[in-house]
C-alpha atoms as a PDB file:
ATOM      1  CA  MET A   1     -18.140  49.082  -7.446  1.00  0.00           C
ATOM      2  CA  ALA A   2     -16.966  45.494  -7.602  1.00  0.00           C
ATOM      3  CA  TYR A   3     -19.635  42.794  -7.751  1.00  0.00           C
ATOM      4  CA  ILE A   4     -20.299  41.096  -4.406  1.00  0.00           C
ATOM      5  CA  GLY A   5     -22.013  37.739  -4.251  1.00  0.00           C
ATOM      6  CA  LYS A   6     -22.398  34.769  -6.544  1.00  0.00           C
ATOM      7  CA  SER A   7     -21.052  34.637 -10.037  1.00  0.00           C
ATOM      8  CA  PRO A   8     -23.405  36.457 -12.485  1.00  0.00           C
ATOM      9  CA  SER A   9     -23.642  33.263 -14.488  1.00  0.00           C
ATOM     10  CA  ARG A  10     -25.352  31.616 -11.533  1.00  0.00           C
ATOM     11  CA  GLY A  11     -27.458  34.581 -10.348  1.00  0.00           C
ATOM     12  CA  VAL A  12     -28.476  35.753  -6.869  1.00  0.00           C
ATOM     13  CA  ARG A  13     -32.211  36.013  -7.556  1.00  0.00           C
ATOM     14  CA  ASN A  14     -34.947  34.762  -9.878  1.00  0.00           C
ATOM     15  CA  ARG A  15     -37.842  36.836 -11.255  1.00  0.00           C
ATOM     16  CA  PHE A  16     -41.180  35.232 -12.100  1.00  0.00           C
ATOM     17  CA  GLN A  17     -43.933  37.134 -13.967  1.00  0.00           C
ATOM     18  CA  TYR A  18     -47.556  36.127 -14.450  1.00  0.00           C
ATOM     19  CA  GLN A  19     -50.426  37.884 -16.295  1.00  0.00           C
ATOM     20  CA  ALA A  20     -53.569  37.222 -14.293  1.00  0.00           C
ATOM     21  CA  THR A  21     -56.921  36.091 -15.584  1.00  0.00           C
ATOM     22  CA  ALA A  22     -60.078  37.615 -14.119  1.00  0.00           C
ATOM     23  CA  GLY A  23     -60.468  36.537 -10.482  1.00  0.00           C
ATOM     24  CA  GLN A  24     -57.207  34.543 -10.372  1.00  0.00           C
ATOM     25  CA  ASP A  25     -55.730  34.285  -6.903  1.00  0.00           C
ATOM     26  CA  SER A  26     -53.250  31.362  -7.150  1.00  0.00           C
ATOM     27  CA  PHE A  27     -50.008  31.527  -9.126  1.00  0.00           C
ATOM     28  CA  SER A  28     -47.657  28.580  -9.678  1.00  0.00           C
ATOM     29  CA  SER A  29     -45.935  26.459 -12.283  1.00  0.00           C
ATOM     30  CA  THR A  30     -44.584  28.081 -15.463  1.00  0.00           C
ATOM     31  CA  ASP A  31     -44.617  31.889 -15.747  1.00  0.00           C
ATOM     32  CA  ALA A  32     -44.835  34.093 -18.844  1.00  0.00           C
ATOM     33  CA  ASN A  33     -41.120  33.497 -19.571  1.00  0.00           C
ATOM     34  CA  GLY A  34     -41.203  29.722 -19.185  1.00  0.00           C
ATOM     35  CA  LEU A  35     -39.688  29.697 -15.688  1.00  0.00           C
ATOM     36  CA  THR A  36     -41.144  27.431 -13.025  1.00  0.00           C
ATOM     37  CA  LEU A  37     -41.885  29.126  -9.718  1.00  0.00           C
ATOM     38  CA  THR A  38     -39.933  27.769  -6.791  1.00  0.00           C
ATOM     39  CA  TYR A  39     -38.653  29.245  -3.553  1.00  0.00           C
ATOM     40  CA  THR A  40     -36.976  27.922  -0.438  1.00  0.00           C
ATOM     41  CA  ASP A  41     -38.020  30.466   2.175  1.00  0.00           C
ATOM     42  CA  SER A  42     -40.815  33.033   1.723  1.00  0.00           C
ATOM     43  CA  LEU A  43     -38.837  35.477   3.872  1.00  0.00           C
ATOM     44  CA  TYR A  44     -36.447  35.802   0.916  1.00  0.00           C
ATOM     45  CA  MET A  45     -39.168  36.631  -1.630  1.00  0.00           C
ATOM     46  CA  ASP A  46     -40.901  39.852  -2.718  1.00  0.00           C
ATOM     47  CA  VAL A  47     -44.305  39.773  -4.423  1.00  0.00           C
ATOM     48  CA  TYR A  48     -45.546  42.686  -6.576  1.00  0.00           C
ATOM     49  CA  GLN A  49     -48.971  43.380  -8.101  1.00  0.00           C
ATOM     50  CA  ASN A  50     -48.805  45.895 -10.961  1.00  0.00           C
ATOM     51  CA  GLY A  51     -45.503  47.149  -9.487  1.00  0.00           C
ATOM     52  CA  ILE A  52     -46.831  47.586  -5.939  1.00  0.00           C
ATOM     53  CA  LEU A  53     -45.023  45.595  -3.238  1.00  0.00           C
ATOM     54  CA  LEU A  54     -47.457  43.348  -1.379  1.00  0.00           C
ATOM     55  CA  VAL A  55     -47.325  42.591   2.328  1.00  0.00           C
ATOM     56  CA  PRO A  56     -46.782  38.933   3.306  1.00  0.00           C
ATOM     57  CA  GLY A  57     -49.730  37.521   5.199  1.00  0.00           C
ATOM     58  CA  ASP A  58     -51.926  40.569   4.613  1.00  0.00           C
ATOM     59  CA  ASP A  59     -51.853  40.505   0.827  1.00  0.00           C
ATOM     60  CA  TYR A  60     -50.646  36.975   0.019  1.00  0.00           C
ATOM     61  CA  THR A  61     -49.495  33.682   1.459  1.00  0.00           C
ATOM     62  CA  ALA A  62     -46.507  31.590   0.333  1.00  0.00           C
ATOM     63  CA  THR A  63     -46.015  28.327   2.209  1.00  0.00           C
ATOM     64  CA  THR A  64     -45.624  25.507  -0.297  1.00  0.00           C
ATOM     65  CA  GLY A  65     -42.390  26.500  -2.013  1.00  0.00           C
ATOM     66  CA  THR A  66     -44.124  26.432  -5.430  1.00  0.00           C
ATOM     67  CA  THR A  67     -47.296  28.553  -5.129  1.00  0.00           C
ATOM     68  CA  VAL A  68     -48.231  32.141  -4.162  1.00  0.00           C
ATOM     69  CA  VAL A  69     -51.891  32.797  -3.212  1.00  0.00           C
ATOM     70  CA  LEU A  70     -53.352  36.335  -3.161  1.00  0.00           C
ATOM     71  CA  VAL A  71     -55.723  37.261  -0.343  1.00  0.00           C
ATOM     72  CA  GLN A  72     -57.790  39.274  -2.832  1.00  0.00           C
ATOM     73  CA  SER A  73     -58.165  37.914  -6.350  1.00  0.00           C
ATOM     74  CA  ALA A  74     -56.456  39.754  -9.187  1.00  0.00           C
ATOM     75  CA  SER A  75     -58.202  41.547 -12.002  1.00  0.00           C
ATOM     76  CA  LEU A  76     -57.874  40.635 -15.665  1.00  0.00           C
ATOM     77  CA  ASN A  77     -54.366  41.322 -17.041  1.00  0.00           C
ATOM     78  CA  ASP A  78     -52.909  42.279 -13.637  1.00  0.00           C
ATOM     79  CA  ILE A  79     -49.138  41.663 -13.580  1.00  0.00           C
ATOM     80  CA  ILE A  80     -48.103  39.513 -10.634  1.00  0.00           C
ATOM     81  CA  GLU A  81     -44.372  39.391 -10.111  1.00  0.00           C
ATOM     82  CA  MET A  82     -42.292  37.377  -7.618  1.00  0.00           C
ATOM     83  CA  VAL A  83     -38.630  38.121  -6.986  1.00  0.00           C
ATOM     84  CA  VAL A  84     -37.004  35.146  -5.222  1.00  0.00           C
ATOM     85  CA  TYR A  85     -33.596  35.559  -3.613  1.00  0.00           C
ATOM     86  CA  ASP A  86     -31.237  32.643  -3.193  1.00  0.00           C
ATOM     87  CA  VAL A  87     -30.847  31.392   0.348  1.00  0.00           C
ATOM     88  CA  PHE A  88     -27.206  30.490   0.975  1.00  0.00           C
ATOM     89  CA  SER A  89     -24.644  30.283   3.743  1.00  0.00           C
ATOM     90  CA  VAL A  90     -20.880  30.693   3.803  1.00  0.00           C
ATOM     91  CA  PRO A  91     -19.476  27.331   2.669  1.00  0.00           C
ATOM     92  CA  ASP A  92     -17.461  25.122   5.011  1.00  0.00           C
ATOM     93  CA  ALA A  93     -14.373  25.091   2.815  1.00  0.00           C
ATOM     94  CA  VAL A  94     -10.615  25.538   2.983  1.00  0.00           C
ATOM     95  CA  SER A  95      -9.333  28.653   1.269  1.00  0.00           C
ATOM     96  CA  GLN A  96      -7.648  28.067  -2.081  1.00  0.00           C
ATOM     97  CA  SER A  97      -5.212  30.954  -1.608  1.00  0.00           C
ATOM     98  CA  ALA A  98      -4.649  30.984   2.165  1.00  0.00           C
ATOM     99  CA  GLY A  99      -4.924  27.267   2.895  1.00  0.00           C
ATOM    100  CA  GLY A 100      -6.305  25.807   6.087  1.00  0.00           C
ATOM    101  CA  THR A 101      -7.134  22.546   7.853  1.00  0.00           C
ATOM    102  CA  PHE A 102      -9.514  19.731   7.011  1.00  0.00           C
ATOM    103  CA  SER A 103     -10.970  18.319  10.232  1.00  0.00           C
ATOM    104  CA  GLY A 104     -12.793  15.414   8.592  1.00  0.00           C
ATOM    105  CA  ASN A 105     -12.017  12.753   6.024  1.00  0.00           C
ATOM    106  CA  VAL A 106     -11.258  13.847   2.467  1.00  0.00           C
ATOM    107  CA  THR A 107     -11.943  11.596  -0.521  1.00  0.00           C
ATOM    108  CA  MET A 108     -10.409  12.213  -3.951  1.00  0.00           C
ATOM    109  CA  GLY A 109     -12.330  10.890  -6.940  1.00  0.00           C
ATOM    110  CA  ASN A 110      -9.364  11.379  -9.234  1.00  0.00           C
ATOM    111  CA  ASN A 111      -5.618  12.067  -9.206  1.00  0.00           C
ATOM    112  CA  LEU A 112      -4.046  14.393  -6.652  1.00  0.00           C
ATOM    113  CA  THR A 113      -1.061  16.474  -7.748  1.00  0.00           C
ATOM    114  CA  VAL A 114       1.075  18.176  -5.097  1.00  0.00           C
ATOM    115  CA  ASN A 115       3.765  20.664  -6.122  1.00  0.00           C
ATOM    116  CA  SER A 116       5.341  21.069  -2.705  1.00  0.00           C
ATOM    117  CA  ASP A 117       5.950  19.155   0.536  1.00  0.00           C
ATOM    118  CA  ILE A 118       3.404  16.924   2.252  1.00  0.00           C
ATOM    119  CA  THR A 119       3.438  16.736   6.052  1.00  0.00           C
ATOM    120  CA  ILE A 120       1.681  13.829   7.754  1.00  0.00           C
ATOM    121  CA  GLY A 121       1.180  14.220  11.503  1.00  0.00           C
ATOM    122  CA  ASP A 122       1.447  17.138  13.927  1.00  0.00           C
ATOM    123  CA  ALA A 123       4.541  16.172  15.978  1.00  0.00           C
ATOM    124  CA  SER A 124       2.340  14.454  18.571  1.00  0.00           C
ATOM    125  CA  ALA A 125       3.220  11.004  19.936  1.00  0.00           C
ATOM    126  CA  ALA A 126       1.054   8.929  17.623  1.00  0.00           C
ATOM    127  CA  ASP A 127       1.522   6.454  14.793  1.00  0.00           C
ATOM    128  CA  LYS A 128       0.770   7.738  11.291  1.00  0.00           C
ATOM    129  CA  LYS A 129       0.407   5.782   8.037  1.00  0.00           C
ATOM    130  CA  ILE A 130      -0.532   5.875   4.372  1.00  0.00           C
ATOM    131  CA  LEU A 131      -2.861   2.987   3.499  1.00  0.00           C
ATOM    132  CA  PHE A 132      -3.070   1.401   0.059  1.00  0.00           C
ATOM    133  CA  ASP A 133      -6.546  -0.147  -0.025  1.00  0.00           C
ATOM    134  CA  GLY A 134      -6.257  -2.981  -2.527  1.00  0.00           C
ATOM    135  CA  ASN A 135      -8.794  -5.408  -3.891  1.00  0.00           C
ATOM    136  CA  ALA A 136      -7.247  -8.596  -2.510  1.00  0.00           C
ATOM    137  CA  GLN A 137      -4.536  -7.203  -0.225  1.00  0.00           C
ATOM    138  CA  ASP A 138      -3.840  -3.949   1.635  1.00  0.00           C
ATOM    139  CA  TYR A 139      -0.399  -2.410   2.239  1.00  0.00           C
ATOM    140  CA  HIS A 140       0.812   0.466   4.384  1.00  0.00           C
ATOM    141  CA  ILE A 141       3.727   2.845   4.841  1.00  0.00           C
ATOM    142  CA  GLY A 142       3.852   4.549   8.187  1.00  0.00           C
ATOM    143  CA  LEU A 143       5.638   5.857  11.269  1.00  0.00           C
ATOM    144  CA  ASP A 144       5.888   3.620  14.324  1.00  0.00           C
ATOM    145  CA  ASP A 145       6.234   6.513  16.733  1.00  0.00           C
ATOM    146  CA  SER A 146       7.112   4.415  19.776  1.00  0.00           C
ATOM    147  CA  ALA A 147      10.020   2.781  17.918  1.00  0.00           C
ATOM    148  CA  ASP A 148      10.882   5.886  15.848  1.00  0.00           C
ATOM    149  CA  SER A 149      10.905   3.699  12.745  1.00  0.00           C
ATOM    150  CA  LEU A 150       9.514   3.979   9.239  1.00  0.00           C
ATOM    151  CA  ILE A 151       7.528   0.831   8.487  1.00  0.00           C
ATOM    152  CA  ILE A 152       6.499  -0.774   5.192  1.00  0.00           C
ATOM    153  CA  GLY A 153       4.198  -3.726   5.517  1.00  0.00           C
ATOM    154  CA  LYS A 154       1.137  -5.736   4.567  1.00  0.00           C
ATOM    155  CA  GLY A 155      -2.332  -5.157   5.993  1.00  0.00           C
ATOM    156  CA  SER A 156      -4.361  -2.126   7.012  1.00  0.00           C
ATOM    157  CA  ALA A 157      -2.938  -1.804  10.539  1.00  0.00           C
ATOM    158  CA  LEU A 158       0.560  -0.433  11.122  1.00  0.00           C
ATOM    159  CA  GLY A 159       2.962  -3.228  12.050  1.00  0.00           C
ATOM    160  CA  THR A 160       0.552  -6.047  11.115  1.00  0.00           C
ATOM    161  CA  THR A 161       3.091  -7.767   8.845  1.00  0.00           C
ATOM    162  CA  THR A 162       6.245  -5.658   8.569  1.00  0.00           C
ATOM    163  CA  SER A 163       8.320  -6.223   5.438  1.00  0.00           C
ATOM    164  CA  MET A 164      10.854  -3.440   6.030  1.00  0.00           C
ATOM    165  CA  ALA A 165      11.752  -1.145   8.902  1.00  0.00           C
ATOM    166  CA  ILE A 166      14.126   1.825   8.898  1.00  0.00           C
ATOM    167  CA  ASP A 167      15.142   2.995  12.392  1.00  0.00           C
ATOM    168  CA  ALA A 168      16.343   6.392  13.587  1.00  0.00           C
ATOM    169  CA  ASN A 169      19.964   5.443  12.801  1.00  0.00           C
ATOM    170  CA  GLY A 170      19.125   4.558   9.207  1.00  0.00           C
ATOM    171  CA  ILE A 171      19.485   0.820   9.824  1.00  0.00           C
ATOM    172  CA  ILE A 172      17.247  -1.223   7.534  1.00  0.00           C
ATOM    173  CA  THR A 173      15.829  -4.563   8.629  1.00  0.00           C
ATOM    174  CA  LYS A 174      13.711  -6.989   6.605  1.00  0.00           C
ATOM    175  CA  PRO A 175      12.149  -9.384   9.120  1.00  0.00           C
ATOM    176  CA  LEU A 176      10.413 -11.475   6.435  1.00  0.00           C
ATOM    177  CA  GLN A 177      13.316 -11.712   3.972  1.00  0.00           C
ATOM    178  CA  PRO A 178      13.997 -15.402   3.184  1.00  0.00           C
ATOM    179  CA  ALA A 179      17.143 -16.598   4.984  1.00  0.00           C
ATOM    180  CA  PHE A 180      18.407 -19.812   6.532  1.00  0.00           C
ATOM    181  CA  CYS A 181      21.295 -21.311   8.475  1.00  0.00           C
ATOM    182  CA  VAL A 182      21.554 -25.071   8.998  1.00  0.00           C
ATOM    183  CA  ALA A 183      24.202 -27.227  10.640  1.00  0.00           C
ATOM    184  CA  SER A 184      25.338 -30.795  10.112  1.00  0.00           C
ATOM    185  CA  SER A 185      25.466 -33.279  12.942  1.00  0.00           C
ATOM    186  CA  GLY A 186      28.350 -34.978  11.135  1.00  0.00           C
ATOM    187  CA  GLN A 187      28.625 -37.779   8.571  1.00  0.00           C
ATOM    188  CA  ASN A 188      31.237 -40.502   8.756  1.00  0.00           C
ATOM    189  CA  ASN A 189      32.857 -42.676   6.102  1.00  0.00           C
ATOM    190  CA  LEU A 190      31.423 -40.906   3.089  1.00  0.00           C
ATOM    191  CA  ALA A 191      30.880 -43.314   0.203  1.00  0.00           C
ATOM    192  CA  THR A 192      33.126 -43.397  -2.850  1.00  0.00           C
ATOM    193  CA  ASN A 193      32.273 -43.371  -6.563  1.00  0.00           C
ATOM    194  CA  THR A 194      28.789 -41.992  -5.913  1.00  0.00           C
ATOM    195  CA  SER A 195      27.154 -38.714  -4.979  1.00  0.00           C
ATOM    196  CA  THR A 196      26.225 -38.204  -1.343  1.00  0.00           C
ATOM    197  CA  ASP A 197      23.972 -35.408  -0.127  1.00  0.00           C
ATOM    198  CA  ILE A 198      25.313 -33.680   2.972  1.00  0.00           C
ATOM    199  CA  GLN A 199      22.837 -33.991   5.840  1.00  0.00           C
ATOM    200  CA  PHE A 200      21.789 -30.989   7.928  1.00  0.00           C
ATOM    201  CA  ALA A 201      19.971 -32.075  11.059  1.00  0.00           C
ATOM    202  CA  THR A 202      19.939 -28.748  12.909  1.00  0.00           C
ATOM    203  CA  ILE A 203      18.077 -25.666  11.682  1.00  0.00           C
ATOM    204  CA  VAL A 204      19.591 -22.619  13.345  1.00  0.00           C
ATOM    205  CA  TYR A 205      17.031 -20.335  11.667  1.00  0.00           C
ATOM    206  CA  ASP A 206      14.799 -20.582   8.615  1.00  0.00           C
ATOM    207  CA  ILE A 207      12.874 -17.399   7.840  1.00  0.00           C
ATOM    208  CA  GLY A 208      10.007 -18.354   5.585  1.00  0.00           C
ATOM    209  CA  SER A 209      10.358 -22.110   6.264  1.00  0.00           C
ATOM    210  CA  ASN A 210      12.046 -22.812   2.924  1.00  0.00           C
ATOM    211  CA  PHE A 211      14.562 -25.441   4.068  1.00  0.00           C
ATOM    212  CA  ALA A 212      13.521 -29.083   4.360  1.00  0.00           C
ATOM    213  CA  SER A 213      15.070 -32.516   3.825  1.00  0.00           C
ATOM    214  CA  ASN A 214      18.580 -31.035   3.384  1.00  0.00           C
ATOM    215  CA  ILE A 215      17.377 -28.822   0.485  1.00  0.00           C
ATOM    216  CA  PHE A 216      16.692 -25.102   0.238  1.00  0.00           C
ATOM    217  CA  ASN A 217      13.716 -24.222  -1.989  1.00  0.00           C
ATOM    218  CA  ALA A 218      13.730 -20.700  -3.423  1.00  0.00           C
ATOM    219  CA  PRO A 219      10.362 -19.049  -2.585  1.00  0.00           C
ATOM    220  CA  VAL A 220      10.664 -16.386  -5.309  1.00  0.00           C
ATOM    221  CA  THR A 221      12.810 -15.701  -8.369  1.00  0.00           C
ATOM    222  CA  GLY A 222      15.896 -13.686  -7.507  1.00  0.00           C
ATOM    223  CA  LYS A 223      19.579 -13.616  -6.604  1.00  0.00           C
ATOM    224  CA  TYR A 224      20.520 -15.633  -3.520  1.00  0.00           C
ATOM    225  CA  GLN A 225      23.733 -15.485  -1.531  1.00  0.00           C
ATOM    226  CA  LEU A 226      24.596 -19.108  -0.667  1.00  0.00           C
ATOM    227  CA  SER A 227      27.543 -20.241   1.435  1.00  0.00           C
ATOM    228  CA  PHE A 228      28.905 -23.588   2.596  1.00  0.00           C
ATOM    229  CA  VAL A 229      31.756 -24.095   5.053  1.00  0.00           C
ATOM    230  CA  THR A 230      33.196 -27.276   6.467  1.00  0.00           C
ATOM    231  CA  TYR A 231      36.364 -29.142   7.275  1.00  0.00           C
ATOM    232  CA  PHE A 232      36.451 -32.866   6.782  1.00  0.00           C
ATOM    233  CA  ASN A 233      38.699 -35.502   8.279  1.00  0.00           C
ATOM    234  CA  ASN A 234      40.740 -38.422   7.088  1.00  0.00           C
ATOM    235  CA  VAL A 235      41.255 -37.307   3.507  1.00  0.00           C
ATOM    236  CA  ASP A 236      42.401 -40.360   1.562  1.00  0.00           C
ATOM    237  CA  THR A 237      45.399 -39.764  -0.713  1.00  0.00           C
ATOM    238  CA  ALA A 238      44.364 -42.818  -2.697  1.00  0.00           C
ATOM    239  CA  ALA A 239      41.328 -40.956  -4.055  1.00  0.00           C
ATOM    240  CA  THR A 240      41.593 -39.683  -7.625  1.00  0.00           C
ATOM    241  CA  VAL A 241      39.519 -36.552  -7.026  1.00  0.00           C
ATOM    242  CA  ILE A 242      37.277 -35.235  -4.246  1.00  0.00           C
ATOM    243  CA  GLN A 243      34.704 -32.498  -4.746  1.00  0.00           C
ATOM    244  CA  PHE A 244      32.020 -30.644  -2.852  1.00  0.00           C
ATOM    245  CA  ASN A 245      29.239 -29.374  -5.101  1.00  0.00           C
ATOM    246  CA  LEU A 246      26.811 -26.589  -4.182  1.00  0.00           C
ATOM    247  CA  SER A 247      24.145 -27.757  -6.588  1.00  0.00           C
ATOM    248  CA  THR A 248      21.255 -25.545  -7.724  1.00  0.00           C
ATOM    249  CA  SER A 249      18.604 -26.134 -10.367  1.00  0.00           C
ATOM    250  CA  ASN A 250      20.267 -23.641 -12.734  1.00  0.00           C
ATOM    251  CA  ARG A 251      23.976 -24.213 -12.047  1.00  0.00           C
ATOM    252  CA  ALA A 252      26.459 -26.198  -9.965  1.00  0.00           C
ATOM    253  CA  TYR A 253      29.380 -24.624  -8.040  1.00  0.00           C
ATOM    254  CA  TYR A 254      32.358 -26.855  -7.252  1.00  0.00           C
ATOM    255  CA  HIS A 255      35.210 -27.034  -4.777  1.00  0.00           C
ATOM    256  CA  ILE A 256      37.579 -29.658  -6.241  1.00  0.00           C
ATOM    257  CA  ILE A 257      40.422 -31.324  -4.339  1.00  0.00           C
ATOM    258  CA  ASP A 258      43.287 -33.301  -5.833  1.00  0.00           C
ATOM    259  CA  PRO A 259      44.357 -35.362  -2.778  1.00  0.00           C
ATOM    260  CA  ASN A 260      47.901 -35.862  -4.025  1.00  0.00           C
ATOM    261  CA  PHE A 261      49.356 -35.587  -0.552  1.00  0.00           C
ATOM    262  CA  SER A 262      52.293 -37.403   0.994  1.00  0.00           C
ATOM    263  CA  ALA A 263      49.954 -38.912   3.578  1.00  0.00           C
ATOM    264  CA  ASP A 264      46.288 -38.903   4.587  1.00  0.00           C
ATOM    265  CA  ILE A 265      45.232 -35.528   6.009  1.00  0.00           C
ATOM    266  CA  ASN A 266      43.460 -35.226   9.365  1.00  0.00           C
ATOM    267  CA  TYR A 267      41.730 -31.883   8.599  1.00  0.00           C
ATOM    268  CA  TYR A 268      40.954 -30.175   5.274  1.00  0.00           C
ATOM    269  CA  PRO A 269      38.865 -26.951   5.048  1.00  0.00           C
ATOM    270  CA  VAL A 270      36.317 -26.323   2.274  1.00  0.00           C
ATOM    271  CA  THR A 271      34.422 -23.087   1.592  1.00  0.00           C
ATOM    272  CA  ILE A 272      31.985 -22.239  -1.202  1.00  0.00           C
ATOM    273  CA  SER A 273      30.333 -18.821  -1.417  1.00  0.00           C
ATOM    274  CA  VAL A 274      28.318 -17.740  -4.466  1.00  0.00           C
ATOM    275  CA  THR A 275      25.549 -15.425  -5.622  1.00  0.00           C
ATOM    276  CA  ALA A 276      23.185 -17.839  -7.323  1.00  0.00           C
ATOM    277  CA  ASP A 277      20.474 -17.025  -9.837  1.00  0.00           C
ATOM    278  CA  MET A 278      17.424 -19.018  -8.780  1.00  0.00           C
ATOM    279  CA  ASP A 279      13.862 -19.218 -10.031  1.00  0.00           C
ATOM    280  CA  ALA A 280      10.890 -19.725  -7.738  1.00  0.00           C
ATOM    281  CA  GLY A 281      10.842 -23.388  -6.742  1.00  0.00           C
ATOM    282  CA  ASP A 282      14.503 -24.039  -7.604  1.00  0.00           C
ATOM    283  CA  GLU A 283      16.482 -26.194  -5.172  1.00  0.00           C
ATOM    284  CA  ALA A 284      19.934 -25.873  -3.640  1.00  0.00           C
ATOM    285  CA  LYS A 285      21.853 -28.589  -1.773  1.00  0.00           C
ATOM    286  CA  ILE A 286      25.402 -29.714  -0.949  1.00  0.00           C
ATOM    287  CA  VAL A 287      26.732 -32.883  -2.603  1.00  0.00           C
ATOM    288  CA  TYR A 288      29.956 -34.812  -1.833  1.00  0.00           C
ATOM    289  CA  THR A 289      31.673 -36.960  -4.481  1.00  0.00           C
ATOM    290  CA  GLN A 290      34.877 -38.989  -4.155  1.00  0.00           C
ATOM    291  CA  SER A 291      36.342 -41.000  -7.001  1.00  0.00           C
ATOM    292  CA  ASN A 292      38.220 -44.136  -5.907  1.00  0.00           C
ATOM    293  CA  GLY A 293      40.059 -44.532  -2.627  1.00  0.00           C
ATOM    294  CA  SER A 294      38.542 -45.626   0.660  1.00  0.00           C
ATOM    295  CA  ALA A 295      35.244 -44.559   2.225  1.00  0.00           C
ATOM    296  CA  GLN A 296      36.964 -43.030   5.243  1.00  0.00           C
ATOM    297  CA  SER A 297      36.382 -39.274   5.045  1.00  0.00           C
ATOM    298  CA  ASP A 298      34.135 -37.646   7.648  1.00  0.00           C
ATOM    299  CA  VAL A 299      32.166 -34.357   7.604  1.00  0.00           C
ATOM    300  CA  ASN A 300      32.318 -32.780  11.060  1.00  0.00           C
ATOM    301  CA  SER A 301      29.491 -31.272  13.085  1.00  0.00           C
ATOM    302  CA  ASP A 302      30.773 -27.693  12.507  1.00  0.00           C
ATOM    303  CA  THR A 303      29.600 -27.828   8.891  1.00  0.00           C
ATOM    304  CA  LEU A 304      27.210 -24.972   7.989  1.00  0.00           C
ATOM    305  CA  PHE A 305      25.036 -24.155   4.990  1.00  0.00           C
ATOM    306  CA  THR A 306      23.592 -20.635   4.854  1.00  0.00           C
ATOM    307  CA  GLY A 307      21.710 -18.440   2.416  1.00  0.00           C
ATOM    308  CA  TYR A 308      19.515 -15.371   1.990  1.00  0.00           C
ATOM    309  CA  LEU A 309      17.665 -13.517  -0.727  1.00  0.00           C
ATOM    310  CA  LEU A 310      19.563 -10.486  -2.038  1.00  0.00           C
ATOM    311  CA  GLY A 311      16.755  -9.274  -4.275  1.00  0.00           C
END
């Protein structure tokens, strides 16, 4: 017959044996085999005297958990034996082979390895998240059920500071990604033989507040898409060279014009679009330079300077 119960290495009962002295009625502490008497419930203990099973209450008392007291004292060399059975209950555990459900919190003290799918949630209308509990800062990945979007963000609460959202159509938005768009209110009679910074008085948007005093400051190291578009008026054919410079800390990007026209031009378009390598704290601005000629060229109010972090 197969063994039923605890593993044999752990045992289901303990046996304690004492050899009585003349008139001894109390038995405790270490027995003849070096085992210390202990029991949890006297209902799960049998006491024998010279092999005869004693009756609880009539023949002995056991109330302390460590001592058995005979009603009538033993004789010299009587063998007093206690057989103590473990008191146990069926554990509140999830089956290893059949699986099941944990209703309370589960804490892992070490790594968790999963060789199949993980399902979070039960199809009910509720937000669900995985929380990364950091020392200085927490982050989360979760489902915004009302918006049907997967959210990645900072903080312990879902949607506290969302860095990325993926909606049901697979559209990805990054509401905190650095980006800006600024517009010029126009500059007239740009100076010659010197460098002039183009002024941008109107901020259309500036996510992260990185644009100030006509300069974009890179908040982090990365690749930035930067674009400048304008058309300027009254291009002087007497100028030797005219250039617009998208100037960054690491590199300058030029649009150069040789105004060798038959007459002054009323409108001339300029576009610069680059992917710039910028370090954290680097600056980007638009600079106008005209060599020789008259200070007559104007930058119109439709001039735009835009940029955003690619990654």
